[in-house]
PDB file of N, CA and C in Angstrom:
ATOM      1  N   MET A   1      59.868 166.238  80.130  1.00  0.00           N
ATOM      2  CA  MET A   1      59.061 165.838  79.826  1.00  0.00           C
ATOM      3  C   MET A   1      58.738 166.995  78.573  1.00  0.00           C
ATOM      4  N   GLU A   2      58.442 168.112  79.227  1.00  0.00           N
ATOM      5  CA  GLU A   2      58.223 169.071  78.875  1.00  0.00           C
ATOM      6  C   GLU A   2      59.289 169.546  77.630  1.00  0.00           C
ATOM      7  N   GLU A   3      60.231 169.255  77.825  1.00  0.00           N
ATOM      8  CA  GLU A   3      61.521 169.763  76.704  1.00  0.00           C
ATOM      9  C   GLU A   3      61.225 168.800  75.405  1.00  0.00           C
ATOM     10  N   ARG A   4      60.722 167.760  75.719  1.00  0.00           N
ATOM     11  CA  ARG A   4      60.631 166.858  74.886  1.00  0.00           C
ATOM     12  C   ARG A   4      59.377 167.265  74.054  1.00  0.00           C
ATOM     13  N   THR A   5      58.270 167.544  74.628  1.00  0.00           N
ATOM     14  CA  THR A   5      57.226 168.145  73.570  1.00  0.00           C
ATOM     15  C   THR A   5      57.419 169.747  73.202  1.00  0.00           C
ATOM     16  N   GLN A   6      58.292 170.175  73.755  1.00  0.00           N
ATOM     17  CA  GLN A   6      58.467 171.357  72.876  1.00  0.00           C
ATOM     18  C   GLN A   6      59.497 171.104  71.351  1.00  0.00           C
ATOM     19  N   ASN A   7      60.508 170.029  72.035  1.00  0.00           N
ATOM     20  CA  ASN A   7      60.991 169.496  70.579  1.00  0.00           C
ATOM     21  C   ASN A   7      59.922 169.374  69.969  1.00  0.00           C
ATOM     22  N   GLY A   8      58.926 168.213  70.291  1.00  0.00           N
ATOM     23  CA  GLY A   8      58.210 167.475  69.167  1.00  0.00           C
ATOM     24  C   GLY A   8      57.334 168.423  68.333  1.00  0.00           C
ATOM     25  N   SER A   9      57.255 169.744  69.518  1.00  0.00           N
ATOM     26  CA  SER A   9      56.078 170.988  69.001  1.00  0.00           C
ATOM     27  C   SER A   9      57.498 171.808  67.933  1.00  0.00           C
ATOM     28  N   VAL A  10      58.466 171.936  68.016  1.00  0.00           N
ATOM     29  CA  VAL A  10      59.321 172.511  67.355  1.00  0.00           C
ATOM     30  C   VAL A  10      59.531 171.806  65.619  1.00  0.00           C
ATOM     31  N   LYS A  11      59.782 170.274  65.959  1.00  0.00           N
ATOM     32  CA  LYS A  11      60.091 169.328  64.710  1.00  0.00           C
ATOM     33  C   LYS A  11      58.896 169.866  64.040  1.00  0.00           C
ATOM     34  N   LYS A  12      57.243 169.824  64.628  1.00  0.00           N
ATOM     35  CA  LYS A  12      56.410 169.669  64.014  1.00  0.00           C
ATOM     36  C   LYS A  12      56.207 170.893  63.191  1.00  0.00           C
ATOM     37  N   THR A  13      56.476 171.810  63.779  1.00  0.00           N
ATOM     38  CA  THR A  13      56.536 173.127  63.420  1.00  0.00           C
ATOM     39  C   THR A  13      57.276 173.367  62.159  1.00  0.00           C
ATOM     40  N   ILE A  14      58.532 172.884  62.205  1.00  0.00           N
ATOM     41  CA  ILE A  14      59.662 172.703  61.203  1.00  0.00           C
ATOM     42  C   ILE A  14      59.049 172.125  60.019  1.00  0.00           C
ATOM     43  N   GLN A  15      58.776 170.911  60.288  1.00  0.00           N
ATOM     44  CA  GLN A  15      58.006 170.009  59.394  1.00  0.00           C
ATOM     45  C   GLN A  15      57.372 170.664  58.323  1.00  0.00           C
ATOM     46  N   GLN A  16      56.072 171.500  59.239  1.00  0.00           N
ATOM     47  CA  GLN A  16      55.063 172.439  58.416  1.00  0.00           C
ATOM     48  C   GLN A  16      55.484 173.219  57.104  1.00  0.00           C
ATOM     49  N   VAL A  17      56.693 174.058  58.200  1.00  0.00           N
ATOM     50  CA  VAL A  17      57.234 175.160  57.187  1.00  0.00           C
ATOM     51  C   VAL A  17      57.725 174.455  56.422  1.00  0.00           C
ATOM     52  N   GLU A  18      58.514 173.490  56.109  1.00  0.00           N
ATOM     53  CA  GLU A  18      59.424 172.760  54.920  1.00  0.00           C
ATOM     54  C   GLU A  18      58.193 172.085  54.388  1.00  0.00           C
ATOM     55  N   ASN A  19      57.105 171.573  54.789  1.00  0.00           N
ATOM     56  CA  ASN A  19      56.047 171.451  53.559  1.00  0.00           C
ATOM     57  C   ASN A  19      55.535 172.523  52.758  1.00  0.00           C
ATOM     58  N   ASN A  20      54.850 173.585  53.325  1.00  0.00           N
ATOM     59  CA  ASN A  20      54.759 175.087  53.303  1.00  0.00           C
ATOM     60  C   ASN A  20      55.630 175.503  52.472  1.00  0.00           C
ATOM     61  N   ILE A  21      57.024 175.120  52.328  1.00  0.00           N
ATOM     62  CA  ILE A  21      57.985 175.539  51.387  1.00  0.00           C
ATOM     63  C   ILE A  21      57.811 174.733  50.402  1.00  0.00           C
ATOM     64  N   GLN A  22      57.764 173.587  50.237  1.00  0.00           N
ATOM     65  CA  GLN A  22      57.649 172.471  49.501  1.00  0.00           C
ATOM     66  C   GLN A  22      56.330 173.106  48.799  1.00  0.00           C
ATOM     67  N   GLU A  23      55.507 172.976  48.944  1.00  0.00           N
ATOM     68  CA  GLU A  23      54.153 173.596  48.155  1.00  0.00           C
ATOM     69  C   GLU A  23      53.901 174.955  47.658  1.00  0.00           C
ATOM     70  N   LEU A  24      54.594 175.677  48.106  1.00  0.00           N
ATOM     71  CA  LEU A  24      54.693 177.050  47.507  1.00  0.00           C
ATOM     72  C   LEU A  24      55.703 176.692  46.697  1.00  0.00           C
ATOM     73  N   GLN A  25      57.041 176.232  46.420  1.00  0.00           N
ATOM     74  CA  GLN A  25      58.262 175.893  45.491  1.00  0.00           C
ATOM     75  C   GLN A  25      57.434 175.323  44.108  1.00  0.00           C
ATOM     76  N   GLY A  26      56.299 174.435  44.402  1.00  0.00           N
ATOM     77  CA  GLY A  26      55.523 173.377  43.515  1.00  0.00           C
ATOM     78  C   GLY A  26      54.643 174.759  42.667  1.00  0.00           C
ATOM     79  N   SER A  27      54.323 175.552  43.588  1.00  0.00           N
ATOM     80  CA  SER A  27      53.106 176.655  43.233  1.00  0.00           C
ATOM     81  C   SER A  27      54.086 177.636  42.260  1.00  0.00           C
ATOM     82  N   LEU A  28      55.168 177.994  42.628  1.00  0.00           N
ATOM     83  CA  LEU A  28      55.991 178.705  41.925  1.00  0.00           C
ATOM     84  C   LEU A  28      56.518 178.422  40.609  1.00  0.00           C
ATOM     85  N   ARG A  29      56.556 176.839  40.528  1.00  0.00           N
ATOM     86  CA  ARG A  29      56.947 176.461  39.494  1.00  0.00           C
ATOM     87  C   ARG A  29      55.734 176.222  38.585  1.00  0.00           C
ATOM     88  N   GLU A  30      54.619 175.838  38.911  1.00  0.00           N
ATOM     89  CA  GLU A  30      53.096 175.848  38.207  1.00  0.00           C
ATOM     90  C   GLU A  30      53.458 177.166  37.173  1.00  0.00           C
ATOM     91  N   TYR A  31      53.489 178.221  38.426  1.00  0.00           N
ATOM     92  CA  TYR A  31      53.056 179.497  37.956  1.00  0.00           C
ATOM     93  C   TYR A  31      53.801 180.006  37.047  1.00  0.00           C
ATOM     94  N   LYS A  32      55.252 179.672  37.218  1.00  0.00           N
ATOM     95  CA  LYS A  32      56.668 180.126  36.354  1.00  0.00           C
ATOM     96  C   LYS A  32      56.166 179.314  34.559  1.00  0.00           C
ATOM     97  N   GLN A  33      55.734 177.975  34.918  1.00  0.00           N
ATOM     98  CA  GLN A  33      55.294 177.577  33.523  1.00  0.00           C
ATOM     99  C   GLN A  33      54.408 177.857  32.932  1.00  0.00           C
ATOM    100  N   LEU A  34      53.040 178.382  33.690  1.00  0.00           N
ATOM    101  CA  LEU A  34      51.897 179.349  33.229  1.00  0.00           C
ATOM    102  C   LEU A  34      52.506 180.437  32.539  1.00  0.00           C
ATOM    103  N   VAL A  35      53.394 181.324  33.259  1.00  0.00           N
ATOM    104  CA  VAL A  35      53.227 182.217  32.577  1.00  0.00           C
ATOM    105  C   VAL A  35      54.340 182.416  31.173  1.00  0.00           C
ATOM    106  N   GLU A  36      55.012 181.002  30.880  1.00  0.00           N
ATOM    107  CA  GLU A  36      55.865 180.725  30.270  1.00  0.00           C
ATOM    108  C   GLU A  36      55.059 180.498  28.731  1.00  0.00           C
ATOM    109  N   THR A  37      53.901 179.791  29.007  1.00  0.00           N
ATOM    110  CA  THR A  37      53.059 178.998  28.376  1.00  0.00           C
ATOM    111  C   THR A  37      52.246 180.306  27.895  1.00  0.00           C
ATOM    112  N   THR A  38      51.930 181.430  28.886  1.00  0.00           N
ATOM    113  CA  THR A  38      51.032 182.496  28.505  1.00  0.00           C
ATOM    114  C   THR A  38      52.154 183.275  27.155  1.00  0.00           C
ATOM    115  N   ARG A  39      53.062 183.417  27.731  1.00  0.00           N
ATOM    116  CA  ARG A  39      54.246 184.284  26.732  1.00  0.00           C
ATOM    117  C   ARG A  39      54.272 183.377  25.599  1.00  0.00           C
ATOM    118  N   ALA A  40      54.229 182.057  25.180  1.00  0.00           N
ATOM    119  CA  ALA A  40      54.265 181.569  24.035  1.00  0.00           C
ATOM    120  C   ALA A  40      52.794 181.961  23.375  1.00  0.00           C
ATOM    121  N   GLU A  41      51.869 181.880  24.043  1.00  0.00           N
ATOM    122  CA  GLU A  41      50.771 182.097  23.261  1.00  0.00           C
ATOM    123  C   GLU A  41      50.558 183.587  22.722  1.00  0.00           C
ATOM    124  N   VAL A  42      50.870 184.405  23.914  1.00  0.00           N
ATOM    125  CA  VAL A  42      50.994 185.721  23.235  1.00  0.00           C
ATOM    126  C   VAL A  42      51.986 186.282  22.152  1.00  0.00           C
ATOM    127  N   ASN A  43      52.905 185.345  21.884  1.00  0.00           N
ATOM    128  CA  ASN A  43      54.000 185.462  20.862  1.00  0.00           C
ATOM    129  C   ASN A  43      53.356 185.129  19.628  1.00  0.00           C
ATOM    130  N   SER A  44      52.592 183.798  19.717  1.00  0.00           N
ATOM    131  CA  SER A  44      52.271 183.241  18.652  1.00  0.00           C
ATOM    132  C   SER A  44      51.111 183.977  18.200  1.00  0.00           C
ATOM    133  N   MET A  45      50.223 184.641  18.645  1.00  0.00           N
ATOM    134  CA  MET A  45      49.098 185.628  18.398  1.00  0.00           C
ATOM    135  C   MET A  45      49.497 186.489  18.041  1.00  0.00           C
ATOM    136  N   ASP A  46      50.909 187.264  18.264  1.00  0.00           N
ATOM    137  CA  ASP A  46      51.356 188.542  17.812  1.00  0.00           C
ATOM    138  C   ASP A  46      51.794 187.981  16.217  1.00  0.00           C
ATOM    139  N   ASN A  47      52.123 187.018  16.174  1.00  0.00           N
ATOM    140  CA  ASN A  47      53.109 186.394  14.724  1.00  0.00           C
ATOM    141  C   ASN A  47      52.006 186.380  13.860  1.00  0.00           C
ATOM    142  N   LYS A  48      50.770 185.622  14.244  1.00  0.00           N
ATOM    143  CA  LYS A  48      49.577 185.699  13.268  1.00  0.00           C
ATOM    144  C   LYS A  48      49.039 186.972  13.121  1.00  0.00           C
ATOM    145  N   ILE A  49      48.777 187.875  13.921  1.00  0.00           N
ATOM    146  CA  ILE A  49      48.479 189.448  13.787  1.00  0.00           C
ATOM    147  C   ILE A  49      49.311 190.201  12.211  1.00  0.00           C
ATOM    148  N   THR A  50      50.928 189.542  13.015  1.00  0.00           N
ATOM    149  CA  THR A  50      51.624 190.516  11.988  1.00  0.00           C
ATOM    150  C   THR A  50      51.807 190.000  10.686  1.00  0.00           C
ATOM    151  N   LEU A  51      51.535 188.736  10.450  1.00  0.00           N
ATOM    152  CA  LEU A  51      51.053 187.662   9.432  1.00  0.00           C
ATOM    153  C   LEU A  51      50.059 188.393   8.583  1.00  0.00           C
ATOM    154  N   ALA A  52      49.110 188.284   8.971  1.00  0.00           N
ATOM    155  CA  ALA A  52      47.478 188.731   8.983  1.00  0.00           C
ATOM    156  C   ALA A  52      47.627 190.383   8.186  1.00  0.00           C
ATOM    157  N   ILE A  53      48.342 191.165   8.995  1.00  0.00           N
ATOM    158  CA  ILE A  53      48.167 192.450   8.461  1.00  0.00           C
ATOM    159  C   ILE A  53      49.399 192.395   7.072  1.00  0.00           C
ATOM    160  N   GLU A  54      50.169 191.863   7.044  1.00  0.00           N
ATOM    161  CA  GLU A  54      51.195 191.726   6.059  1.00  0.00           C
ATOM    162  C   GLU A  54      50.780 191.175   4.481  1.00  0.00           C
ATOM    163  N   ASP A  55      49.424 190.328   4.916  1.00  0.00           N
ATOM    164  CA  ASP A  55      49.001 189.529   3.973  1.00  0.00           C
ATOM    165  C   ASP A  55      47.864 189.947   3.334  1.00  0.00           C
ATOM    166  N   THR A  56      47.045 190.987   4.562  1.00  0.00           N
ATOM    167  CA  THR A  56      45.995 191.627   3.838  1.00  0.00           C
ATOM    168  C   THR A  56      45.827 192.825   2.658  1.00  0.00           C
ATOM    169  N   PRO A  57      46.964 193.570   2.265  1.00  0.00           N
ATOM    170  CA  PRO A  57      47.029 194.355   1.255  1.00  0.00           C
ATOM    171  C   PRO A  57      47.391 192.898   0.116  1.00  0.00           C
ATOM    172  N   LYS A  58      48.239 192.474   0.483  1.00  0.00           N
ATOM    173  CA  LYS A  58      48.678 191.557  -1.003  1.00  0.00           C
ATOM    174  C   LYS A  58      46.939 190.336  -1.443  1.00  0.00           C
ATOM    175  N   SER A  59      45.909 190.328  -0.492  1.00  0.00           N
ATOM    176  CA  SER A  59      44.900 189.309  -0.817  1.00  0.00           C
ATOM    177  C   SER A  59      44.251 190.428  -0.886  1.00  0.00           C
ATOM    178  N   ILE A  60      43.799 191.729  -0.800  1.00  0.00           N
ATOM    179  CA  ILE A  60      42.778 192.421  -1.390  1.00  0.00           C
ATOM    180  C   ILE A  60      43.276 193.324  -2.712  1.00  0.00           C
ATOM    181  N   SER A  61      44.852 193.562  -2.702  1.00  0.00           N
ATOM    182  CA  SER A  61      45.234 194.319  -3.714  1.00  0.00           C
ATOM    183  C   SER A  61      44.728 193.998  -5.168  1.00  0.00           C
ATOM    184  N   PRO A  62      44.640 192.710  -5.654  1.00  0.00           N
ATOM    185  CA  PRO A  62      44.351 192.269  -6.789  1.00  0.00           C
ATOM    186  C   PRO A  62      42.631 192.845  -7.292  1.00  0.00           C
ATOM    187  N   GLN A  63      42.033 192.433  -6.088  1.00  0.00           N
ATOM    188  CA  GLN A  63      40.649 193.035  -6.570  1.00  0.00           C
ATOM    189  C   GLN A  63      40.571 194.820  -6.421  1.00  0.00           C
ATOM    190  N   ILE A  64      41.397 195.066  -5.429  1.00  0.00           N
ATOM    191  CA  ILE A  64      41.333 196.940  -5.933  1.00  0.00           C
ATOM    192  C   ILE A  64      41.598 197.005  -7.379  1.00  0.00           C
ATOM    193  N   GLN A  65      42.631 196.406  -7.810  1.00  0.00           N
ATOM    194  CA  GLN A  65      43.245 197.117  -9.207  1.00  0.00           C
ATOM    195  C   GLN A  65      42.209 196.692 -10.054  1.00  0.00           C
ATOM    196  N   GLU A  66      41.660 195.566  -9.899  1.00  0.00           N
ATOM    197  CA  GLU A  66      40.194 194.881 -10.969  1.00  0.00           C
ATOM    198  C   GLU A  66      39.034 196.226 -10.975  1.00  0.00           C
ATOM    199  N   LEU A  67      38.817 196.158  -9.666  1.00  0.00           N
ATOM    200  CA  LEU A  67      38.168 197.534  -9.319  1.00  0.00           C
ATOM    201  C   LEU A  67      37.985 198.827  -9.877  1.00  0.00           C
ATOM    202  N   LEU A  68      39.560 198.870  -9.971  1.00  0.00           N
ATOM    203  CA  LEU A  68      39.933 200.629 -10.303  1.00  0.00           C
ATOM    204  C   LEU A  68      40.095 200.397 -11.983  1.00  0.00           C
ATOM    205  N   GLY A  69      40.541 199.067 -12.407  1.00  0.00           N
ATOM    206  CA  GLY A  69      40.456 199.000 -14.072  1.00  0.00           C
ATOM    207  C   GLY A  69      38.670 199.411 -14.355  1.00  0.00           C
ATOM    208  N   ASP A  70      37.864 198.603 -13.543  1.00  0.00           N
ATOM    209  CA  ASP A  70      36.705 198.582 -14.182  1.00  0.00           C
ATOM    210  C   ASP A  70      36.370 199.997 -14.389  1.00  0.00           C
ATOM    211  N   LEU A  71      36.561 201.110 -12.956  1.00  0.00           N
ATOM    212  CA  LEU A  71      36.213 202.231 -13.154  1.00  0.00           C
ATOM    213  C   LEU A  71      36.638 203.307 -13.745  1.00  0.00           C
ATOM    214  N   ASN A  72      38.104 203.114 -14.472  1.00  0.00           N
ATOM    215  CA  ASN A  72      38.513 203.816 -15.296  1.00  0.00           C
ATOM    216  C   ASN A  72      37.753 203.523 -16.570  1.00  0.00           C
ATOM    217  N   GLN A  73      37.782 202.237 -17.037  1.00  0.00           N
ATOM    218  CA  GLN A  73      37.290 202.014 -17.856  1.00  0.00           C
ATOM    219  C   GLN A  73      35.671 202.636 -18.550  1.00  0.00           C
ATOM    220  N   GLU A  74      35.012 202.709 -17.003  1.00  0.00           N
ATOM    221  CA  GLU A  74      33.794 203.314 -17.074  1.00  0.00           C
ATOM    222  C   GLU A  74      33.566 204.500 -17.279  1.00  0.00           C
ATOM    223  N   MET A  75      34.612 205.340 -16.515  1.00  0.00           N
ATOM    224  CA  MET A  75      34.750 206.483 -16.840  1.00  0.00           C
ATOM    225  C   MET A  75      35.237 207.176 -18.268  1.00  0.00           C
ATOM    226  N   LYS A  76      36.005 206.329 -19.101  1.00  0.00           N
ATOM    227  CA  LYS A  76      36.338 206.296 -20.287  1.00  0.00           C
ATOM    228  C   LYS A  76      34.982 206.386 -21.007  1.00  0.00           C
ATOM    229  N   ARG A  77      33.925 205.020 -20.963  1.00  0.00           N
ATOM    230  CA  ARG A  77      33.296 205.209 -21.922  1.00  0.00           C
ATOM    231  C   ARG A  77      31.858 206.406 -21.444  1.00  0.00           C
ATOM    232  N   GLN A  78      31.953 206.649 -19.758  1.00  0.00           N
ATOM    233  CA  GLN A  78      30.863 207.917 -19.971  1.00  0.00           C
ATOM    234  C   GLN A  78      31.567 209.059 -20.504  1.00  0.00           C
ATOM    235  N   GLN A  79      32.668 209.576 -20.620  1.00  0.00           N
ATOM    236  CA  GLN A  79      33.240 210.624 -21.325  1.00  0.00           C
ATOM    237  C   GLN A  79      33.130 210.765 -22.936  1.00  0.00           C
ATOM    238  N   ALA A  80      33.310 209.434 -23.160  1.00  0.00           N
ATOM    239  CA  ALA A  80      32.799 209.263 -24.683  1.00  0.00           C
ATOM    240  C   ALA A  80      31.465 209.403 -24.894  1.00  0.00           C
ATOM    241  N   LEU A  81      30.438 208.908 -23.942  1.00  0.00           N
ATOM    242  CA  LEU A  81      29.322 209.324 -24.544  1.00  0.00           C
ATOM    243  C   LEU A  81      28.969 210.836 -24.225  1.00  0.00           C
ATOM    244  N   ASN A  82      29.564 211.673 -23.079  1.00  0.00           N
ATOM    245  CA  ASN A  82      29.320 212.556 -22.807  1.00  0.00           C
ATOM    246  C   ASN A  82      29.599 213.458 -24.068  1.00  0.00           C
ATOM    247  N   ASP A  83      30.880 213.041 -24.606  1.00  0.00           N
ATOM    248  CA  ASP A  83      31.385 213.703 -25.742  1.00  0.00           C
ATOM    249  C   ASP A  83      30.134 213.828 -26.910  1.00  0.00           C
ATOM    250  N   HIS A  84      30.175 212.624 -27.231  1.00  0.00           N
ATOM    251  CA  HIS A  84      29.059 212.045 -27.921  1.00  0.00           C
ATOM    252  C   HIS A  84      27.517 213.197 -27.976  1.00  0.00           C
ATOM    253  N   LEU A  85      27.153 213.373 -26.863  1.00  0.00           N
ATOM    254  CA  LEU A  85      25.931 213.833 -26.292  1.00  0.00           C
ATOM    255  C   LEU A  85      26.405 215.771 -26.553  1.00  0.00           C
ATOM    256  N   GLN A  86      27.300 216.042 -26.619  1.00  0.00           N
ATOM    257  CA  GLN A  86      27.759 217.316 -26.543  1.00  0.00           C
ATOM    258  C   GLN A  86      28.151 217.630 -27.651  1.00  0.00           C
ATOM    259  N   LYS A  87      28.545 216.639 -28.746  1.00  0.00           N
ATOM    260  CA  LYS A  87      28.469 217.116 -30.335  1.00  0.00           C
ATOM    261  C   LYS A  87      27.103 217.229 -30.880  1.00  0.00           C
ATOM    262  N   GLN A  88      26.092 216.409 -30.415  1.00  0.00           N
ATOM    263  CA  GLN A  88      24.993 216.688 -30.702  1.00  0.00           C
ATOM    264  C   GLN A  88      23.969 217.544 -30.301  1.00  0.00           C
ATOM    265  N   ILE A  89      24.327 217.986 -29.096  1.00  0.00           N
ATOM    266  CA  ILE A  89      23.830 219.449 -28.869  1.00  0.00           C
ATOM    267  C   ILE A  89      24.365 220.356 -29.360  1.00  0.00           C
ATOM    268  N   THR A  90      25.782 220.265 -29.559  1.00  0.00           N
ATOM    269  CA  THR A  90      26.112 221.465 -30.735  1.00  0.00           C
ATOM    270  C   THR A  90      25.237 221.385 -31.876  1.00  0.00           C
ATOM    271  N   GLY A  91      25.225 220.024 -32.595  1.00  0.00           N
ATOM    272  CA  GLY A  91      24.707 220.381 -33.713  1.00  0.00           C
ATOM    273  C   GLY A  91      23.607 220.753 -34.166  1.00  0.00           C
ATOM    274  N   LEU A  92      22.339 220.389 -32.498  1.00  0.00           N
ATOM    275  CA  LEU A  92      20.969 220.622 -32.759  1.00  0.00           C
ATOM    276  C   LEU A  92      21.098 221.951 -32.569  1.00  0.00           C
ATOM    277  N   ARG A  93      21.625 222.795 -32.250  1.00  0.00           N
ATOM    278  CA  ARG A  93      21.920 224.038 -31.860  1.00  0.00           C
ATOM    279  C   ARG A  93      22.180 225.031 -33.022  1.00  0.00           C
ATOM    280  N   LYS A  94      22.967 224.165 -33.656  1.00  0.00           N
ATOM    281  CA  LYS A  94      23.794 225.108 -34.876  1.00  0.00           C
ATOM    282  C   LYS A  94      21.787 224.625 -36.124  1.00  0.00           C
ATOM    283  N   GLU A  95      21.753 223.997 -35.999  1.00  0.00           N
ATOM    284  CA  GLU A  95      20.274 223.443 -36.437  1.00  0.00           C
ATOM    285  C   GLU A  95      19.247 223.865 -36.483  1.00  0.00           C
ATOM    286  N   LYS A  96      19.329 224.495 -34.940  1.00  0.00           N
ATOM    287  CA  LYS A  96      18.055 225.425 -34.350  1.00  0.00           C
ATOM    288  C   LYS A  96      18.470 226.807 -35.055  1.00  0.00           C
ATOM    289  N   SER A  97      19.655 226.938 -34.929  1.00  0.00           N
ATOM    290  CA  SER A  97      20.139 228.634 -35.697  1.00  0.00           C
ATOM    291  C   SER A  97      19.592 228.818 -37.175  1.00  0.00           C
ATOM    292  N   VAL A  98      20.313 227.624 -37.626  1.00  0.00           N
ATOM    293  CA  VAL A  98      19.818 227.816 -39.276  1.00  0.00           C
ATOM    294  C   VAL A  98      18.490 227.553 -39.679  1.00  0.00           C
ATOM    295  N   LEU A  99      17.375 226.889 -38.646  1.00  0.00           N
ATOM    296  CA  LEU A  99      15.834 226.750 -38.923  1.00  0.00           C
ATOM    297  C   LEU A  99      15.581 228.249 -38.374  1.00  0.00           C
ATOM    298  N   SER A 100      15.995 228.608 -37.615  1.00  0.00           N
ATOM    299  CA  SER A 100      15.522 230.106 -36.902  1.00  0.00           C
ATOM    300  C   SER A 100      15.650 231.430 -38.400  1.00  0.00           C
ATOM    301  N   GLN A 101      16.854 231.194 -38.522  1.00  0.00           N
ATOM    302  CA  GLN A 101      17.367 231.946 -39.574  1.00  0.00           C
ATOM    303  C   GLN A 101      16.204 231.699 -41.167  1.00  0.00           C
ATOM    304  N   HIS A 102      15.987 230.658 -41.395  1.00  0.00           N
ATOM    305  CA  HIS A 102      15.573 230.357 -42.535  1.00  0.00           C
ATOM    306  C   HIS A 102      13.682 230.926 -41.994  1.00  0.00           C
ATOM    307  N   ILE A 103      13.274 230.458 -41.015  1.00  0.00           N
ATOM    308  CA  ILE A 103      11.880 231.226 -40.581  1.00  0.00           C
ATOM    309  C   ILE A 103      11.957 232.401 -40.475  1.00  0.00           C
ATOM    310  N   ILE A 104      12.967 233.259 -39.986  1.00  0.00           N
ATOM    311  CA  ILE A 104      13.020 234.580 -40.388  1.00  0.00           C
ATOM    312  C   ILE A 104      13.155 235.113 -41.493  1.00  0.00           C
ATOM    313  N   ALA A 105      13.533 234.644 -42.685  1.00  0.00           N
ATOM    314  CA  ALA A 105      13.736 235.080 -44.140  1.00  0.00           C
ATOM    315  C   ALA A 105      12.648 234.725 -44.745  1.00  0.00           C
ATOM    316  N   SER A 106      11.934 233.516 -44.210  1.00  0.00           N
ATOM    317  CA  SER A 106      10.697 233.202 -44.724  1.00  0.00           C
ATOM    318  C   SER A 106       9.787 234.063 -44.281  1.00  0.00           C
ATOM    319  N   ASN A 107       9.412 234.225 -43.388  1.00  0.00           N
ATOM    320  CA  ASN A 107       8.443 235.453 -42.497  1.00  0.00           C
ATOM    321  C   ASN A 107       8.588 236.645 -43.739  1.00  0.00           C
ATOM    322  N   SER A 108      10.433 237.285 -43.731  1.00  0.00           N
ATOM    323  CA  SER A 108      10.457 238.441 -44.564  1.00  0.00           C
ATOM    324  C   SER A 108       9.683 238.597 -46.168  1.00  0.00           C
ATOM    325  N   ARG A 109      10.224 237.289 -46.688  1.00  0.00           N
ATOM    326  CA  ARG A 109       9.752 236.596 -48.075  1.00  0.00           C
ATOM    327  C   ARG A 109       8.074 237.073 -47.725  1.00  0.00           C
ATOM    328  N   CYS A 110       7.470 236.022 -46.741  1.00  0.00           N
ATOM    329  CA  CYS A 110       5.688 236.727 -46.801  1.00  0.00           C
ATOM    330  C   CYS A 110       5.726 237.793 -46.361  1.00  0.00           C
ATOM    331  N   GLN A 111       6.282 238.791 -46.058  1.00  0.00           N
ATOM    332  CA  GLN A 111       5.683 240.053 -45.534  1.00  0.00           C
ATOM    333  C   GLN A 111       6.240 240.338 -47.020  1.00  0.00           C
ATOM    334  N   ILE A 112       6.636 240.237 -47.756  1.00  0.00           N
ATOM    335  CA  ILE A 112       7.345 241.539 -49.304  1.00  0.00           C
ATOM    336  C   ILE A 112       6.247 240.818 -49.892  1.00  0.00           C
ATOM    337  N   LEU A 113       6.263 239.472 -50.064  1.00  0.00           N
ATOM    338  CA  LEU A 113       4.976 238.947 -50.879  1.00  0.00           C
ATOM    339  C   LEU A 113       3.735 239.682 -50.894  1.00  0.00           C
ATOM    340  N   GLU A 114       3.467 239.572 -49.378  1.00  0.00           N
ATOM    341  CA  GLU A 114       1.994 239.845 -49.360  1.00  0.00           C
ATOM    342  C   GLU A 114       1.901 241.472 -49.471  1.00  0.00           C
ATOM    343  N   ASP A 115       3.051 242.064 -49.274  1.00  0.00           N
ATOM    344  CA  ASP A 115       2.833 243.692 -49.503  1.00  0.00           C
ATOM    345  C   ASP A 115       2.839 243.540 -50.930  1.00  0.00           C
ATOM    346  N   SER A 116       3.221 243.178 -51.613  1.00  0.00           N
ATOM    347  CA  SER A 116       3.415 243.245 -53.151  1.00  0.00           C
ATOM    348  C   SER A 116       1.909 242.691 -53.428  1.00  0.00           C
ATOM    349  N   VAL A 117       1.516 241.982 -53.090  1.00  0.00           N
ATOM    350  CA  VAL A 117      -0.027 242.006 -53.337  1.00  0.00           C
ATOM    351  C   VAL A 117      -1.465 242.533 -52.914  1.00  0.00           C
ATOM    352  N   GLY A 118      -0.865 243.035 -52.197  1.00  0.00           N
ATOM    353  CA  GLY A 118      -1.663 244.325 -50.927  1.00  0.00           C
ATOM    354  C   GLY A 118      -2.553 243.343 -49.733  1.00  0.00           C
ATOM    355  N   TYR A 119      -2.089 242.425 -49.750  1.00  0.00           N
ATOM    356  CA  TYR A 119      -2.355 241.178 -48.549  1.00  0.00           C
ATOM    357  C   TYR A 119      -2.535 242.318 -47.117  1.00  0.00           C
ATOM    358  N   THR A 120      -3.524 242.424 -46.267  1.00  0.00           N
ATOM    359  CA  THR A 120      -3.472 242.754 -45.111  1.00  0.00           C
ATOM    360  C   THR A 120      -4.205 241.843 -44.003  1.00  0.00           C
ATOM    361  N   HIS A 121      -3.751 241.817 -42.988  1.00  0.00           N
ATOM    362  CA  HIS A 121      -3.882 240.981 -41.862  1.00  0.00           C
ATOM    363  C   HIS A 121      -5.217 241.592 -41.462  1.00  0.00           C
ATOM    364  N   SER A 122      -6.657 240.453 -41.597  1.00  0.00           N
ATOM    365  CA  SER A 122      -8.155 240.961 -40.886  1.00  0.00           C
ATOM    366  C   SER A 122      -7.631 240.686 -38.805  1.00  0.00           C
ATOM    367  N   GLN A 123      -8.010 241.698 -38.551  1.00  0.00           N
ATOM    368  CA  GLN A 123      -8.111 241.368 -37.073  1.00  0.00           C
ATOM    369  C   GLN A 123      -9.175 241.210 -36.694  1.00  0.00           C
TER     370      GLN A 123
END
């Protein structure tokens, strides 16, 4: 009778081990499926990131070109304005020089006229 109880106990233990093995095999299959799904998701994300990296320069390049064109145009306009103002400054300096020479010449003629009429400044 004791042998039968031991046989029953051994059979029961073997059955429990087999059940545990089946459960673990099921868990392993689920784990492998999860790993495969995760790999697929990672690959998908990697592809999306790669495409985004490749497309970003393409999508902003026209805007950059337009802004660069605007900047170059504005720089040319500013350079033309600067050139115009520089010419005006040069012209005004020449005019100032001519006026200064006229003033000096006029002062000299006034002095000559004053000397010839005998005019003296009273202080």
